[in-house]
Protein backbone atom coordinates (compact mmCIF):
# COMPACT_ATOMS: atom_id res chain seq x y z
CA UNK A 1 -0.04 0.08 -0.10
CA UNK A 2 1.51 3.31 -1.03
CA UNK A 3 1.61 5.35 2.08
CA UNK A 4 3.06 8.45 3.77
CA UNK A 5 2.86 8.58 7.70
CA UNK A 6 3.90 11.75 9.38
CA UNK A 7 4.45 11.83 13.11
CA UNK A 8 6.22 13.52 15.96
CA UNK A 9 4.36 16.78 16.02
CA UNK A 10 3.48 18.45 19.25
CA UNK A 11 3.34 21.61 21.53
CA UNK A 12 6.75 23.33 21.90
CA UNK A 13 7.96 26.55 23.26
CA UNK A 14 9.14 29.34 21.11
CA UNK A 15 13.07 28.98 20.76
CA UNK A 16 12.53 25.24 21.17
CA UNK A 17 13.37 22.17 19.05
CA UNK A 18 11.33 19.53 17.69
CA UNK A 19 12.05 16.54 15.37
CA UNK A 20 9.16 15.20 12.99
CA UNK A 21 9.56 12.24 10.84
CA UNK A 22 7.70 10.60 7.74
CA UNK A 23 7.51 6.94 6.99
CA UNK A 24 7.29 5.81 3.67
CA UNK A 25 5.74 2.60 2.12
CA UNK A 26 4.52 1.20 -1.05
CA UNK A 27 6.78 2.84 -3.57
CA UNK A 28 10.50 3.04 -4.44
CA UNK A 29 11.70 5.33 -1.81
CA UNK A 30 15.20 5.58 -3.08
CA UNK A 31 13.96 6.97 -6.43
CA UNK A 32 11.75 9.80 -4.92
CA UNK A 33 12.46 13.40 -4.08
CA UNK A 34 10.92 14.07 -0.78
CA UNK A 35 9.75 17.29 0.48
CA UNK A 36 7.92 18.98 3.69
CA UNK A 37 5.22 21.25 3.43
CA UNK A 38 2.99 23.01 5.93
CA UNK A 39 -0.41 24.23 6.03
CA UNK A 40 -1.23 27.18 8.39
CA UNK A 41 -4.22 27.35 10.69
CA UNK A 42 -7.48 28.97 9.33
CA UNK A 43 -6.27 28.16 6.00
CA UNK A 44 -9.54 27.71 4.16
CA UNK A 45 -8.10 27.09 0.87
CA UNK A 46 -5.95 24.01 2.00
CA UNK A 47 -2.89 25.76 0.44
CA UNK A 48 0.38 24.05 1.65
CA UNK A 49 3.65 26.03 1.69
CA UNK A 50 6.50 24.63 0.71
CA UNK A 51 9.23 24.20 3.64
CA UNK A 52 12.06 21.98 2.44
CA UNK A 53 13.19 19.36 -0.20
CA UNK A 54 15.66 16.55 -0.35
CA UNK A 55 16.82 14.90 -3.70
CA UNK A 56 16.50 11.21 -4.13
CA UNK A 57 20.12 10.85 -3.73
CA UNK A 58 20.13 12.72 -0.56
CA UNK A 59 22.90 14.78 -1.76
CA UNK A 60 20.82 18.14 -2.45
CA UNK A 61 18.64 19.82 -0.16
CA UNK A 62 16.66 23.12 -0.54
CA UNK A 63 14.83 25.38 2.00
CA UNK A 64 12.28 28.00 2.08
CA UNK A 65 13.94 31.30 3.10
CA UNK A 66 12.29 31.66 6.50
CA UNK A 67 13.47 28.29 7.83
CA UNK A 68 17.07 28.05 6.12
CA UNK A 69 19.51 27.69 8.90
CA UNK A 70 16.90 26.60 11.29
CA UNK A 71 15.55 23.43 9.78
CA UNK A 72 17.28 20.48 8.48
CA UNK A 73 16.06 17.81 6.06
CA UNK A 74 17.51 14.34 5.91
CA UNK A 75 16.54 10.80 4.74
CA UNK A 76 17.19 7.12 5.71
CA UNK A 77 16.92 4.74 2.64
CA UNK A 78 17.13 1.80 4.94
CA UNK A 79 14.39 2.90 7.17
CA UNK A 80 12.55 4.81 4.53
CA UNK A 81 12.00 7.75 6.39
CA UNK A 82 12.49 11.58 5.93
CA UNK A 83 13.28 13.66 8.98
CA UNK A 84 12.87 17.20 9.64
CA UNK A 85 15.04 18.79 12.55
CA UNK A 86 13.41 21.94 13.53
CA UNK A 87 15.33 24.59 15.87
CA UNK A 88 14.68 28.01 17.18
CA UNK A 89 10.92 27.48 16.57
CA UNK A 90 8.69 30.56 16.37
CA UNK A 91 4.81 30.94 16.64
CA UNK A 92 4.64 31.39 13.02
CA UNK A 93 5.90 27.84 12.30
CA UNK A 94 2.74 26.60 13.83
CA UNK A 95 1.14 24.37 11.01
CA UNK A 96 0.20 20.87 9.96
CA UNK A 97 3.42 19.26 8.21
CA UNK A 98 3.16 17.20 5.26
CA UNK A 99 6.14 15.26 3.56
CA UNK A 100 4.90 14.50 0.01
CA UNK A 101 7.05 12.58 -2.31
CA UNK A 102 7.67 13.02 -5.94
CA UNK A 103 5.79 10.99 -8.56
CA UNK A 104 2.33 11.45 -7.41
CA UNK A 105 2.14 9.45 -4.21
CA UNK A 106 -0.95 10.77 -2.25
CA UNK A 107 -0.39 12.91 0.63
CA UNK A 108 -0.19 11.68 4.20
CA UNK A 109 -2.62 13.31 6.90
CA UNK A 110 0.29 15.49 8.34
CA UNK A 111 1.37 16.22 11.77
CA UNK A 112 0.37 19.13 13.98
CA UNK A 113 3.31 21.38 15.23
CA UNK A 114 2.21 24.05 17.63
CA UNK A 115 4.86 26.65 18.99
CA UNK A 116 3.45 28.64 21.85
CA UNK A 117 4.40 29.74 25.32
C-alpha cells in the first residue's frame, strides 16, 4: 500500500526544537525526491507552503528562506523515512506538516506542530 505517515508533532515553546518524521511505504523510496510542506491554521483553501526538499540521492537539499539555518531535512533509505529537524521555533511555524513524495504519491494526514508559550 502506497503510504506516507507523518509523526512527531506536538506543542513546543518558542525557541525550542522538535523533530518530525515521515515513514514511506509502497513505492520505490530511493527514487523519490521528498519534501516537507505545511498548512497554516485557518487556511480555508488548503494551501500548503513549501518548507524543504531533499533529492532522491540525498545529496541536494533546498529550504524556504524563513526556515533556512533553523530546519534540516534528511532521509534514511534503509528505514524509508524522512526527518525534519526544527530548531529555534517561532509561533509562525505553527502548522500541520506534510511530507509529499515526487511521482504522484498521495499525501499523508500530516502532523500538527504548535509553537506557543
